[in-house]
Amino acid sequence: MPLCPGRAIFRRAIFLRLGACATLGLAAAGTPDADAQAHPDCTQLLQAGDAQAVPACKAQVEEAESAPATERMPRIVADDEYGVALLAIAHQPKQSLEPFSRAIELLPASTVKPDSLQWAVTYWHRATAYQQLAQWEQADTDLATAEDAFTKAIAAAAGDVPLTQHFTQLRQRVRLQHADVLERQGKHREAQKILATQ
């Protein structure tokens, strides 16, 4: 089922922001050199909405896969960002499922905790791919996981007001999307229950 243009633009903006948020900590850890500035990386291209993000993110996946198997976080981020590029830039939701699923498979054995932004965002991204493919049950399951991860992240961020507010806003977006998926499944009461928690 094709999305209306306004909705597609809204979702694309979400993906680009979330892709940037998910890798913010990793990007900040390194110091950019002149070569990196001359050749924008996957994250920069995603933020810009540049079509070159697709090959750049694919190359990032290949590089991450050549690293030791114990280095899971770069692989998780690379797969997630490649999925975002396929979904939001190339408009290929079916193809995006593979990298999103690879990232999700790596989460439990990684240092990423279920109360982290990366955990929530990766499930959210895959849920949106399922939603675009009208695979409502899979979208429902992933959105519930993303919402739960954001709830845990909010609790873990207690005391950090800006971070708590940011996670709360993201969780509200997940809830709105989840309510839409439930409505499409004919689960009107469940959808209303989620909306009531906004």
Protein backbone atom coordinates (compact mmCIF):
# COMPACT_ATOMS: atom_id res chain seq x y z
CA MET A 1 0.00 0.00 0.00
CA PRO A 2 1.72 3.23 -1.10
CA LEU A 3 2.06 6.01 1.40
CA CYS A 4 0.72 9.47 0.70
CA PRO A 5 3.57 11.92 -0.11
CA GLY A 6 3.22 13.88 3.14
CA ARG A 7 3.45 10.75 5.23
CA ALA A 8 6.43 9.45 3.27
CA ILE A 9 8.29 12.72 3.82
CA PHE A 10 7.45 12.63 7.54
CA ARG A 11 8.73 9.06 7.87
CA ARG A 12 11.87 9.85 5.91
CA ALA A 13 12.62 12.74 8.26
CA ILE A 14 12.18 10.42 11.24
CA PHE A 15 14.54 7.86 9.77
CA LEU A 16 17.22 10.38 9.02
CA ARG A 17 17.04 11.90 12.50
CA LEU A 18 17.01 8.51 14.19
CA GLY A 19 19.86 7.20 12.09
CA ALA A 20 21.88 10.20 13.14
CA CYS A 21 20.91 9.81 16.81
CA ALA A 22 21.72 6.13 16.87
CA THR A 23 25.32 6.69 15.82
CA LEU A 24 25.95 10.02 17.48
CA GLY A 25 28.06 8.53 20.27
CA LEU A 26 30.18 6.48 17.89
CA ALA A 27 30.72 9.35 15.49
CA ALA A 28 31.77 11.64 18.32
CA ALA A 29 34.36 9.11 19.48
CA GLY A 30 36.48 9.58 16.38
CA THR A 31 38.19 12.72 15.17
CA PRO A 32 37.30 13.60 11.56
CA ASP A 33 40.25 14.05 9.27
CA ALA A 34 40.47 15.90 5.96
CA ASP A 35 39.84 12.73 3.94
CA ALA A 36 36.65 11.98 5.88
CA GLN A 37 35.41 15.52 5.29
CA ALA A 38 36.20 15.28 1.57
CA HIS A 39 34.36 11.94 1.33
CA PRO A 40 31.18 12.06 3.43
CA ASP A 41 30.42 8.86 5.28
CA CYS A 42 27.18 6.92 5.49
CA THR A 43 25.81 8.89 8.45
CA GLN A 44 26.52 12.27 6.86
CA LEU A 45 24.91 11.20 3.59
CA LEU A 46 21.84 9.87 5.43
CA GLN A 47 21.49 13.15 7.29
CA ALA A 48 21.65 15.01 3.97
CA GLY A 49 19.14 12.65 2.30
CA ASP A 50 21.75 12.01 -0.41
CA ALA A 51 21.23 9.03 -2.75
CA GLN A 52 24.93 8.22 -2.34
CA ALA A 53 24.05 7.05 1.18
CA VAL A 54 23.01 3.66 -0.22
CA PRO A 55 26.43 2.63 -1.63
CA ALA A 56 28.27 4.39 1.22
CA CYS A 57 26.25 2.52 3.84
CA LYS A 58 26.70 -0.77 1.98
CA ALA A 59 30.46 -0.18 2.00
CA GLN A 60 30.26 0.56 5.72
CA VAL A 61 28.55 -2.82 6.26
CA GLU A 62 31.27 -4.61 4.31
CA GLU A 63 33.95 -2.87 6.37
CA ALA A 64 32.21 -3.69 9.65
CA GLU A 65 31.84 -7.35 8.62
CA SER A 66 35.59 -7.62 8.05
CA ALA A 67 36.25 -6.56 11.66
CA PRO A 68 36.59 -9.19 14.43
CA ALA A 69 33.29 -10.91 15.25
CA THR A 70 33.52 -9.63 18.83
CA GLU A 71 33.13 -6.02 17.61
CA ARG A 72 29.35 -6.13 17.34
CA MET A 73 28.43 -2.48 17.87
CA PRO A 74 29.95 -1.21 14.59
CA ARG A 75 28.17 -4.07 12.77
CA ILE A 76 24.84 -3.23 14.44
CA VAL A 77 25.14 0.44 13.50
CA ALA A 78 26.31 -0.35 9.96
CA ASP A 79 23.44 -2.77 9.29
CA ASP A 80 20.88 -0.40 10.81
CA GLU A 81 22.11 2.56 8.76
CA TYR A 82 22.21 0.49 5.57
CA GLY A 83 18.62 -0.56 6.26
CA VAL A 84 17.67 3.10 6.74
CA ALA A 85 19.35 3.98 3.44
CA LEU A 86 17.45 1.24 1.61
CA LEU A 87 14.16 2.17 3.27
CA ALA A 88 14.24 5.97 3.36
CA ILE A 89 16.48 6.82 0.40
CA ALA A 90 16.07 3.92 -2.07
CA HIS A 91 12.43 3.22 -1.02
CA GLN A 92 13.09 -0.54 -0.87
CA PRO A 93 11.39 -1.74 2.32
CA LYS A 94 11.65 -5.43 1.42
CA GLN A 95 15.42 -5.18 0.89
CA SER A 96 15.85 -3.21 4.11
CA LEU A 97 14.52 -6.08 6.23
CA GLU A 98 17.70 -8.14 5.85
CA PRO A 99 20.13 -5.57 7.30
CA PHE A 100 17.65 -4.58 10.04
CA SER A 101 17.22 -8.24 11.01
CA ARG A 102 21.00 -8.79 11.04
CA ALA A 103 21.39 -5.83 13.40
CA ILE A 104 18.61 -7.14 15.66
CA GLU A 105 20.17 -10.61 15.77
CA LEU A 106 23.41 -9.08 17.07
CA LEU A 107 21.78 -7.00 19.83
CA PRO A 108 21.46 -9.65 22.57
CA ALA A 109 25.13 -10.68 22.42
CA SER A 110 26.40 -7.09 22.22
CA THR A 111 27.08 -4.40 24.80
CA VAL A 112 23.84 -2.71 23.68
CA LYS A 113 21.26 -2.94 26.43
CA PRO A 114 17.47 -3.25 26.02
CA ASP A 115 17.16 0.23 27.61
CA SER A 116 19.26 1.91 24.91
CA LEU A 117 18.36 4.18 22.04
CA GLN A 118 20.06 1.82 19.56
CA TRP A 119 17.89 -1.12 20.67
CA ALA A 120 14.66 0.89 20.36
CA VAL A 121 15.56 2.52 17.07
CA THR A 122 16.62 -0.68 15.31
CA TYR A 123 13.28 -2.34 16.11
CA TRP A 124 11.44 0.86 15.15
CA HIS A 125 13.18 0.97 11.79
CA ARG A 126 12.34 -2.65 10.98
CA ALA A 127 8.75 -2.11 12.14
CA THR A 128 8.38 0.70 9.63
CA ALA A 129 9.68 -1.52 6.84
CA TYR A 130 7.10 -4.14 7.81
CA GLN A 131 4.43 -1.44 7.95
CA GLN A 132 5.27 -0.24 4.44
CA LEU A 133 4.98 -3.85 3.27
CA ALA A 134 1.58 -4.17 5.02
CA GLN A 135 2.97 -6.94 7.24
CA TRP A 136 0.95 -5.71 10.18
CA GLU A 137 1.62 -8.44 12.74
CA GLN A 138 5.39 -8.17 12.37
CA ALA A 139 5.16 -4.36 12.54
CA ASP A 140 2.98 -4.68 15.66
CA THR A 141 5.53 -6.93 17.40
CA ASP A 142 8.52 -4.72 16.56
CA LEU A 143 6.73 -1.52 17.57
CA ALA A 144 5.81 -3.08 20.93
CA THR A 145 9.49 -3.96 21.44
CA ALA A 146 10.60 -0.45 20.44
CA GLU A 147 8.07 1.12 22.81
CA ASP A 148 9.24 -1.13 25.65
CA ALA A 149 12.88 -0.22 24.95
CA PHE A 150 12.05 3.50 25.02
CA THR A 151 10.16 3.03 28.31
CA LYS A 152 13.26 1.34 29.78
CA ALA A 153 15.49 4.07 28.33
CA ILE A 154 13.33 6.75 29.96
CA ALA A 155 13.67 5.00 33.34
CA ALA A 156 17.44 4.59 32.87
CA ALA A 157 17.81 8.29 31.99
CA ALA A 158 16.05 9.44 35.18
CA GLY A 159 17.65 12.67 36.37
CA ASP A 160 18.70 13.73 32.87
CA VAL A 161 15.70 15.90 31.97
CA PRO A 162 16.60 16.70 28.31
CA LEU A 163 17.38 13.05 27.54
CA THR A 164 14.21 11.85 29.28
CA GLN A 165 12.15 14.36 27.28
CA HIS A 166 13.81 13.29 24.02
CA PHE A 167 13.13 9.59 24.68
CA THR A 168 9.56 10.41 25.70
CA GLN A 169 8.96 12.26 22.42
CA LEU A 170 10.36 9.33 20.44
CA ARG A 171 8.21 6.88 22.38
CA GLN A 172 5.14 9.00 21.57
CA ARG A 173 5.96 8.73 17.86
CA VAL A 174 6.29 4.96 18.20
CA ARG A 175 2.94 4.82 20.00
CA LEU A 176 1.21 6.82 17.23
CA GLN A 177 2.66 4.51 14.60
CA HIS A 178 1.72 1.45 16.67
CA ALA A 179 -1.87 2.68 17.01
CA ASP A 180 -2.04 3.06 13.21
CA VAL A 181 -0.80 -0.51 12.73
CA LEU A 182 -3.35 -1.82 15.24
CA GLU A 183 -6.16 0.08 13.47
CA ARG A 184 -5.17 -1.55 10.18
CA GLN A 185 -5.47 -4.94 11.88
CA GLY A 186 -8.95 -4.03 13.12
CA LYS A 187 -7.75 -3.85 16.74
CA HIS A 188 -9.56 -0.60 17.50
CA ARG A 189 -9.70 -0.97 21.29
CA GLU A 190 -5.98 -1.71 21.54
CA ALA A 191 -5.24 1.26 19.31
CA GLN A 192 -7.36 3.55 21.48
CA LYS A 193 -5.65 2.23 24.62
CA ILE A 194 -2.23 3.15 23.20
CA LEU A 195 -3.45 6.60 22.14
CA ALA A 196 -4.81 7.18 25.61
CA THR A 197 -1.28 6.86 27.00
CA GLN A 198 -0.01 9.79 24.90
